[in-house]
Amino acid sequence: MVTTLTSREFNQDTSGAKKAASQGPIFITDRGRPAHVLLTIEDYLRLSGGHMSLAEALAQTNADFDFDPPRVDDGIFRAADLD
């Protein structure tokens, strides 16, 4: 099911729009023209192939990542030759 809301309607009932998004995409219009689409994260991941960019992953407010980068060996750095 596809729902269309004006920007004003969306601003007045954001929680209702989020609930409606569980039933299908919500098209949000500006001056009568579609401008934005509200999707659940599950629908977005399905449409995008299931992959999030690093920026998208880090932008999540509830993101919790373990990050253990490999140690860099001392042999890869050398003094710059400026002559």
PDB file of N, CA and C in Angstrom:
ATOM      1  N   MET A   1       0.834  -1.173   0.000  1.00  0.00           N
ATOM      2  CA  MET A   1       0.000   0.000   0.000  1.00  0.00           C
ATOM      3  C   MET A   1       0.882   1.241   0.000  1.00  0.00           C
ATOM      4  N   VAL A   2       0.615   2.186  -0.884  1.00  0.00           N
ATOM      5  CA  VAL A   2       1.366   3.429  -0.981  1.00  0.00           C
ATOM      6  C   VAL A   2       0.503   4.559  -0.446  1.00  0.00           C
ATOM      7  N   THR A   3       1.094   5.377   0.417  1.00  0.00           N
ATOM      8  CA  THR A   3       0.393   6.519   0.996  1.00  0.00           C
ATOM      9  C   THR A   3       1.098   7.793   0.563  1.00  0.00           C
ATOM     10  N   THR A   4       0.331   8.843   0.304  1.00  0.00           N
ATOM     11  CA  THR A   4       0.893  10.141  -0.043  1.00  0.00           C
ATOM     12  C   THR A   4       0.469  11.156   1.007  1.00  0.00           C
ATOM     13  N   LEU A   5       1.437  11.916   1.505  1.00  0.00           N
ATOM     14  CA  LEU A   5       1.185  12.963   2.480  1.00  0.00           C
ATOM     15  C   LEU A   5       1.814  14.257   1.997  1.00  0.00           C
ATOM     16  N   THR A   6       1.190  15.366   2.305  1.00  0.00           N
ATOM     17  CA  THR A   6       1.840  16.653   2.050  1.00  0.00           C
ATOM     18  C   THR A   6       2.895  16.855   3.135  1.00  0.00           C
ATOM     19  N   SER A   7       3.809  17.759   2.909  1.00  0.00           N
ATOM     20  CA  SER A   7       4.816  18.066   3.925  1.00  0.00           C
ATOM     21  C   SER A   7       4.152  18.515   5.216  1.00  0.00           C
ATOM     22  N   ARG A   8       3.104  19.297   5.098  1.00  0.00           N
ATOM     23  CA  ARG A   8       2.387  19.777   6.275  1.00  0.00           C
ATOM     24  C   ARG A   8       1.767  18.609   7.051  1.00  0.00           C
ATOM     25  N   GLU A   9       1.120  17.680   6.338  1.00  0.00           N
ATOM     26  CA  GLU A   9       0.526  16.520   6.999  1.00  0.00           C
ATOM     27  C   GLU A   9       1.596  15.685   7.687  1.00  0.00           C
ATOM     28  N   PHE A  10       2.723  15.523   7.014  1.00  0.00           N
ATOM     29  CA  PHE A  10       3.829  14.750   7.599  1.00  0.00           C
ATOM     30  C   PHE A  10       4.323  15.423   8.876  1.00  0.00           C
ATOM     31  N   ASN A  11       4.513  16.747   8.830  1.00  0.00           N
ATOM     32  CA  ASN A  11       4.992  17.474  10.007  1.00  0.00           C
ATOM     33  C   ASN A  11       4.000  17.420  11.162  1.00  0.00           C
ATOM     34  N   GLN A  12       2.719  17.387  10.860  1.00  0.00           N
ATOM     35  CA  GLN A  12       1.705  17.376  11.903  1.00  0.00           C
ATOM     36  C   GLN A  12       1.520  15.994  12.532  1.00  0.00           C
ATOM     37  N   ASP A  13       1.870  14.928  11.823  1.00  0.00           N
ATOM     38  CA  ASP A  13       1.678  13.570  12.354  1.00  0.00           C
ATOM     39  C   ASP A  13       2.829  12.656  11.936  1.00  0.00           C
ATOM     40  N   THR A  14       4.015  12.987  12.385  1.00  0.00           N
ATOM     41  CA  THR A  14       5.194  12.197  12.026  1.00  0.00           C
ATOM     42  C   THR A  14       5.092  10.769  12.544  1.00  0.00           C
ATOM     43  N   SER A  15       4.610  10.611  13.774  1.00  0.00           N
ATOM     44  CA  SER A  15       4.515   9.249  14.322  1.00  0.00           C
ATOM     45  C   SER A  15       3.506   8.415  13.532  1.00  0.00           C
ATOM     46  N   GLY A  16       2.416   9.039  13.063  1.00  0.00           N
ATOM     47  CA  GLY A  16       1.446   8.319  12.232  1.00  0.00           C
ATOM     48  C   GLY A  16       2.062   7.908  10.905  1.00  0.00           C
ATOM     49  N   ALA A  17       2.907   8.786  10.344  1.00  0.00           N
ATOM     50  CA  ALA A  17       3.585   8.463   9.083  1.00  0.00           C
ATOM     51  C   ALA A  17       4.538   7.295   9.274  1.00  0.00           C
ATOM     52  N   LYS A  18       5.252   7.274  10.399  1.00  0.00           N
ATOM     53  CA  LYS A  18       6.173   6.167  10.663  1.00  0.00           C
ATOM     54  C   LYS A  18       5.413   4.858  10.815  1.00  0.00           C
ATOM     55  N   LYS A  19       4.274   4.891  11.467  1.00  0.00           N
ATOM     56  CA  LYS A  19       3.455   3.681  11.598  1.00  0.00           C
ATOM     57  C   LYS A  19       2.939   3.235  10.229  1.00  0.00           C
ATOM     58  N   ALA A  20       2.508   4.188   9.410  1.00  0.00           N
ATOM     59  CA  ALA A  20       1.992   3.856   8.081  1.00  0.00           C
ATOM     60  C   ALA A  20       3.084   3.274   7.187  1.00  0.00           C
ATOM     61  N   ALA A  21       4.341   3.666   7.421  1.00  0.00           N
ATOM     62  CA  ALA A  21       5.453   3.162   6.610  1.00  0.00           C
ATOM     63  C   ALA A  21       5.630   1.658   6.781  1.00  0.00           C
ATOM     64  N   SER A  22       5.137   1.099   7.879  1.00  0.00           N
ATOM     65  CA  SER A  22       5.241  -0.349   8.052  1.00  0.00           C
ATOM     66  C   SER A  22       4.326  -1.086   7.074  1.00  0.00           C
ATOM     67  N   GLN A  23       3.366  -0.385   6.480  1.00  0.00           N
ATOM     68  CA  GLN A  23       2.455  -0.980   5.496  1.00  0.00           C
ATOM     69  C   GLN A  23       2.927  -0.750   4.049  1.00  0.00           C
ATOM     70  N   GLY A  24       3.878   0.163   3.855  1.00  0.00           N
ATOM     71  CA  GLY A  24       4.384   0.465   2.518  1.00  0.00           C
ATOM     72  C   GLY A  24       4.994   1.850   2.493  1.00  0.00           C
ATOM     73  N   PRO A  25       5.591   2.241   1.378  1.00  0.00           N
ATOM     74  CA  PRO A  25       6.265   3.536   1.296  1.00  0.00           C
ATOM     75  C   PRO A  25       5.291   4.699   1.463  1.00  0.00           C
ATOM     76  N   ILE A  26       5.802   5.781   2.048  1.00  0.00           N
ATOM     77  CA  ILE A  26       5.048   7.014   2.221  1.00  0.00           C
ATOM     78  C   ILE A  26       5.688   8.066   1.322  1.00  0.00           C
ATOM     79  N   PHE A  27       4.931   8.558   0.360  1.00  0.00           N
ATOM     80  CA  PHE A  27       5.416   9.633  -0.499  1.00  0.00           C
ATOM     81  C   PHE A  27       5.060  10.956   0.149  1.00  0.00           C
ATOM     82  N   ILE A  28       6.040  11.828   0.301  1.00  0.00           N
ATOM     83  CA  ILE A  28       5.832  13.136   0.907  1.00  0.00           C
ATOM     84  C   ILE A  28       6.008  14.178  -0.190  1.00  0.00           C
ATOM     85  N   THR A  29       4.992  15.019  -0.337  1.00  0.00           N
ATOM     86  CA  THR A  29       5.007  15.991  -1.433  1.00  0.00           C
ATOM     87  C   THR A  29       5.344  17.393  -0.937  1.00  0.00           C
ATOM     88  N   ASP A  30       5.959  18.158  -1.790  1.00  0.00           N
ATOM     89  CA  ASP A  30       6.189  19.596  -1.608  1.00  0.00           C
ATOM     90  C   ASP A  30       5.527  20.291  -2.778  1.00  0.00           C
ATOM     91  N   ARG A  31       4.572  21.154  -2.476  1.00  0.00           N
ATOM     92  CA  ARG A  31       3.835  21.895  -3.504  1.00  0.00           C
ATOM     93  C   ARG A  31       3.234  20.960  -4.558  1.00  0.00           C
ATOM     94  N   GLY A  32       2.713  19.827  -4.091  1.00  0.00           N
ATOM     95  CA  GLY A  32       2.017  18.899  -4.972  1.00  0.00           C
ATOM     96  C   GLY A  32       2.896  17.926  -5.736  1.00  0.00           C
ATOM     97  N   ARG A  33       4.205  18.041  -5.591  1.00  0.00           N
ATOM     98  CA  ARG A  33       5.126  17.141  -6.298  1.00  0.00           C
ATOM     99  C   ARG A  33       5.825  16.219  -5.315  1.00  0.00           C
ATOM    100  N   PRO A  34       5.948  14.935  -5.662  1.00  0.00           N
ATOM    101  CA  PRO A  34       6.679  14.024  -4.769  1.00  0.00           C
ATOM    102  C   PRO A  34       8.104  14.527  -4.544  1.00  0.00           C
ATOM    103  N   ALA A  35       8.505  14.611  -3.279  1.00  0.00           N
ATOM    104  CA  ALA A  35       9.833  15.127  -2.951  1.00  0.00           C
ATOM    105  C   ALA A  35      10.655  14.145  -2.117  1.00  0.00           C
ATOM    106  N   HIS A  36       9.978  13.334  -1.301  1.00  0.00           N
ATOM    107  CA  HIS A  36      10.670  12.409  -0.408  1.00  0.00           C
ATOM    108  C   HIS A  36       9.867  11.124  -0.301  1.00  0.00           C
ATOM    109  N   VAL A  37      10.556  10.067   0.131  1.00  0.00           N
ATOM    110  CA  VAL A  37       9.886   8.794   0.391  1.00  0.00           C
ATOM    111  C   VAL A  37      10.335   8.308   1.756  1.00  0.00           C
ATOM    112  N   LEU A  38       9.377   7.922   2.586  1.00  0.00           N
ATOM    113  CA  LEU A  38       9.665   7.361   3.897  1.00  0.00           C
ATOM    114  C   LEU A  38       9.492   5.851   3.817  1.00  0.00           C
ATOM    115  N   LEU A  39      10.561   5.117   4.197  1.00  0.00           N
ATOM    116  CA  LEU A  39      10.557   3.656   4.185  1.00  0.00           C
ATOM    117  C   LEU A  39      11.010   3.142   5.535  1.00  0.00           C
ATOM    118  N   THR A  40      10.605   1.934   5.864  1.00  0.00           N
ATOM    119  CA  THR A  40      11.199   1.281   7.028  1.00  0.00           C
ATOM    120  C   THR A  40      12.632   0.915   6.656  1.00  0.00           C
ATOM    121  N   ILE A  41      13.474   0.721   7.650  1.00  0.00           N
ATOM    122  CA  ILE A  41      14.859   0.348   7.368  1.00  0.00           C
ATOM    123  C   ILE A  41      14.923  -1.002   6.662  1.00  0.00           C
ATOM    124  N   GLU A  42      13.998  -1.888   6.991  1.00  0.00           N
ATOM    125  CA  GLU A  42      13.975  -3.192   6.329  1.00  0.00           C
ATOM    126  C   GLU A  42      13.698  -3.044   4.833  1.00  0.00           C
ATOM    127  N   ASP A  43      12.725  -2.199   4.484  1.00  0.00           N
ATOM    128  CA  ASP A  43      12.427  -1.967   3.063  1.00  0.00           C
ATOM    129  C   ASP A  43      13.605  -1.304   2.361  1.00  0.00           C
ATOM    130  N   TYR A  44      14.237  -0.348   3.033  1.00  0.00           N
ATOM    131  CA  TYR A  44      15.389   0.329   2.442  1.00  0.00           C
ATOM    132  C   TYR A  44      16.515  -0.661   2.163  1.00  0.00           C
ATOM    133  N   LEU A  45      16.832  -1.498   3.152  1.00  0.00           N
ATOM    134  CA  LEU A  45      17.913  -2.470   2.967  1.00  0.00           C
ATOM    135  C   LEU A  45      17.587  -3.469   1.868  1.00  0.00           C
ATOM    136  N   ARG A  46      16.317  -3.860   1.772  1.00  0.00           N
ATOM    137  CA  ARG A  46      15.913  -4.780   0.703  1.00  0.00           C
ATOM    138  C   ARG A  46      16.110  -4.111  -0.660  1.00  0.00           C
ATOM    139  N   LEU A  47      15.708  -2.853  -0.785  1.00  0.00           N
ATOM    140  CA  LEU A  47      15.833  -2.148  -2.063  1.00  0.00           C
ATOM    141  C   LEU A  47      17.283  -1.818  -2.414  1.00  0.00           C
ATOM    142  N   SER A  48      18.107  -1.585  -1.397  1.00  0.00           N
ATOM    143  CA  SER A  48      19.495  -1.201  -1.659  1.00  0.00           C
ATOM    144  C   SER A  48      20.422  -2.404  -1.763  1.00  0.00           C
ATOM    145  N   GLY A  49      19.870  -3.595  -1.721  1.00  0.00           N
ATOM    146  CA  GLY A  49      20.696  -4.796  -1.831  1.00  0.00           C
ATOM    147  C   GLY A  49      21.207  -5.271  -0.489  1.00  0.00           C
ATOM    148  N   GLY A  50      20.710  -4.710   0.591  1.00  0.00           N
ATOM    149  CA  GLY A  50      21.091  -5.179   1.917  1.00  0.00           C
ATOM    150  C   GLY A  50      22.395  -4.625   2.442  1.00  0.00           C
ATOM    151  N   HIS A  51      22.957  -3.665   1.747  1.00  0.00           N
ATOM    152  CA  HIS A  51      24.238  -3.115   2.183  1.00  0.00           C
ATOM    153  C   HIS A  51      24.076  -1.657   2.550  1.00  0.00           C
ATOM    154  N   MET A  52      24.729  -1.282   3.632  1.00  0.00           N
ATOM    155  CA  MET A  52      24.754   0.100   4.065  1.00  0.00           C
ATOM    156  C   MET A  52      26.163   0.634   3.852  1.00  0.00           C
ATOM    157  N   SER A  53      26.256   1.882   3.473  1.00  0.00           N
ATOM    158  CA  SER A  53      27.583   2.478   3.367  1.00  0.00           C
ATOM    159  C   SER A  53      28.113   2.716   4.783  1.00  0.00           C
ATOM    160  N   LEU A  54      29.395   2.957   4.900  1.00  0.00           N
ATOM    161  CA  LEU A  54      29.980   3.245   6.199  1.00  0.00           C
ATOM    162  C   LEU A  54      29.342   4.490   6.799  1.00  0.00           C
ATOM    163  N   ALA A  55      29.120   5.513   5.980  1.00  0.00           N
ATOM    164  CA  ALA A  55      28.499   6.746   6.472  1.00  0.00           C
ATOM    165  C   ALA A  55      27.094   6.475   7.007  1.00  0.00           C
ATOM    166  N   GLU A  56      26.324   5.647   6.310  1.00  0.00           N
ATOM    167  CA  GLU A  56      24.972   5.321   6.771  1.00  0.00           C
ATOM    168  C   GLU A  56      25.017   4.541   8.082  1.00  0.00           C
ATOM    169  N   ALA A  57      25.937   3.614   8.182  1.00  0.00           N
ATOM    170  CA  ALA A  57      26.047   2.822   9.400  1.00  0.00           C
ATOM    171  C   ALA A  57      26.436   3.688  10.591  1.00  0.00           C
ATOM    172  N   LEU A  58      27.385   4.594  10.390  1.00  0.00           N
ATOM    173  CA  LEU A  58      27.829   5.458  11.478  1.00  0.00           C
ATOM    174  C   LEU A  58      26.788   6.507  11.851  1.00  0.00           C
ATOM    175  N   ALA A  59      25.907   6.851  10.915  1.00  0.00           N
ATOM    176  CA  ALA A  59      24.878   7.859  11.177  1.00  0.00           C
ATOM    177  C   ALA A  59      23.759   7.327  12.050  1.00  0.00           C
ATOM    178  N   GLN A  60      23.665   6.029  12.211  1.00  0.00           N
ATOM    179  CA  GLN A  60      22.612   5.470  13.051  1.00  0.00           C
ATOM    180  C   GLN A  60      22.869   5.856  14.510  1.00  0.00           C
ATOM    181  N   THR A  61      21.837   6.360  15.165  1.00  0.00           N
ATOM    182  CA  THR A  61      22.009   6.816  16.549  1.00  0.00           C
ATOM    183  C   THR A  61      22.210   5.668  17.520  1.00  0.00           C
ATOM    184  N   ASN A  62      21.737   4.487  17.181  1.00  0.00           N
ATOM    185  CA  ASN A  62      21.890   3.344  18.082  1.00  0.00           C
ATOM    186  C   ASN A  62      23.000   2.406  17.625  1.00  0.00           C
ATOM    187  N   ALA A  63      23.930   2.917  16.811  1.00  0.00           N
ATOM    188  CA  ALA A  63      25.001   2.080  16.272  1.00  0.00           C
ATOM    189  C   ALA A  63      25.973   1.685  17.378  1.00  0.00           C
ATOM    190  N   ASP A  64      26.388   0.432  17.355  1.00  0.00           N
ATOM    191  CA  ASP A  64      27.351  -0.082  18.308  1.00  0.00           C
ATOM    192  C   ASP A  64      28.290  -0.999  17.543  1.00  0.00           C
ATOM    193  N   PHE A  65      29.528  -0.542  17.331  1.00  0.00           N
ATOM    194  CA  PHE A  65      30.465  -1.286  16.514  1.00  0.00           C
ATOM    195  C   PHE A  65      31.710  -1.618  17.315  1.00  0.00           C
ATOM    196  N   ASP A  66      32.208  -2.826  17.124  1.00  0.00           N
ATOM    197  CA  ASP A  66      33.525  -3.182  17.627  1.00  0.00           C
ATOM    198  C   ASP A  66      34.513  -2.851  16.524  1.00  0.00           C
ATOM    199  N   PHE A  67      35.573  -2.158  16.873  1.00  0.00           N
ATOM    200  CA  PHE A  67      36.549  -1.757  15.866  1.00  0.00           C
ATOM    201  C   PHE A  67      37.932  -2.079  16.400  1.00  0.00           C
ATOM    202  N   ASP A  68      38.552  -3.093  15.831  1.00  0.00           N
ATOM    203  CA  ASP A  68      39.901  -3.485  16.192  1.00  0.00           C
ATOM    204  C   ASP A  68      40.753  -3.493  14.933  1.00  0.00           C
ATOM    205  N   PRO A  69      41.285  -2.331  14.552  1.00  0.00           N
ATOM    206  CA  PRO A  69      42.093  -2.296  13.332  1.00  0.00           C
ATOM    207  C   PRO A  69      43.395  -3.059  13.539  1.00  0.00           C
ATOM    208  N   PRO A  70      43.936  -3.636  12.483  1.00  0.00           N
ATOM    209  CA  PRO A  70      45.205  -4.358  12.619  1.00  0.00           C
ATOM    210  C   PRO A  70      46.333  -3.383  12.940  1.00  0.00           C
ATOM    211  N   ARG A  71      47.287  -3.852  13.697  1.00  0.00           N
ATOM    212  CA  ARG A  71      48.446  -3.005  14.022  1.00  0.00           C
ATOM    213  C   ARG A  71      49.304  -2.834  12.780  1.00  0.00           C
ATOM    214  N   VAL A  72      49.828  -1.646  12.621  1.00  0.00           N
ATOM    215  CA  VAL A  72      50.663  -1.328  11.467  1.00  0.00           C
ATOM    216  C   VAL A  72      52.110  -1.643  11.827  1.00  0.00           C
ATOM    217  N   ASP A  73      52.794  -2.390  10.942  1.00  0.00           N
ATOM    218  CA  ASP A  73      54.201  -2.705  11.173  1.00  0.00           C
ATOM    219  C   ASP A  73      55.041  -1.450  11.051  1.00  0.00           C
ATOM    220  N   ASP A  74      56.139  -1.428  11.800  1.00  0.00           N
ATOM    221  CA  ASP A  74      57.023  -0.270  11.764  1.00  0.00           C
ATOM    222  C   ASP A  74      57.711  -0.098  10.416  1.00  0.00           C
ATOM    223  N   GLY A  75      57.803  -1.141   9.618  1.00  0.00           N
ATOM    224  CA  GLY A  75      58.562  -1.083   8.380  1.00  0.00           C
ATOM    225  C   GLY A  75      57.898  -0.312   7.249  1.00  0.00           C
ATOM    226  N   ILE A  76      56.657   0.124   7.381  1.00  0.00           N
ATOM    227  CA  ILE A  76      56.014   0.793   6.244  1.00  0.00           C
ATOM    228  C   ILE A  76      56.281   2.294   6.223  1.00  0.00           C
ATOM    229  N   PHE A  77      56.781   2.847   7.329  1.00  0.00           N
ATOM    230  CA  PHE A  77      57.043   4.269   7.356  1.00  0.00           C
ATOM    231  C   PHE A  77      58.525   4.520   7.078  1.00  0.00           C
ATOM    232  N   ARG A  78      58.797   5.581   6.335  1.00  0.00           N
ATOM    233  CA  ARG A  78      60.185   5.967   6.088  1.00  0.00           C
ATOM    234  C   ARG A  78      60.228   7.492   5.958  1.00  0.00           C
ATOM    235  N   ALA A  79      61.378   8.027   6.193  1.00  0.00           N
ATOM    236  CA  ALA A  79      61.554   9.477   6.114  1.00  0.00           C
ATOM    237  C   ALA A  79      61.378   9.941   4.674  1.00  0.00           C
ATOM    238  N   ALA A  80      60.781  11.114   4.506  1.00  0.00           N
ATOM    239  CA  ALA A  80      60.576  11.671   3.170  1.00  0.00           C
ATOM    240  C   ALA A  80      61.900  12.139   2.597  1.00  0.00           C
ATOM    241  N   ASP A  81      62.094  11.888   1.300  1.00  0.00           N
ATOM    242  CA  ASP A  81      63.296  12.347   0.598  1.00  0.00           C
ATOM    243  C   ASP A  81      62.948  13.679  -0.060  1.00  0.00           C
ATOM    244  N   LEU A  82      63.419  14.777   0.541  1.00  0.00           N
ATOM    245  CA  LEU A  82      63.071  16.111   0.061  1.00  0.00           C
ATOM    246  C   LEU A  82      64.122  16.719  -0.853  1.00  0.00           C
ATOM    247  N   ASP A  83      65.155  15.960  -1.186  1.00  0.00           N
ATOM    248  CA  ASP A  83      66.203  16.496  -2.090  1.00  0.00           C
ATOM    249  C   ASP A  83      65.892  16.223  -3.527  1.00  0.00           C
TER     250      ASP A  83
END
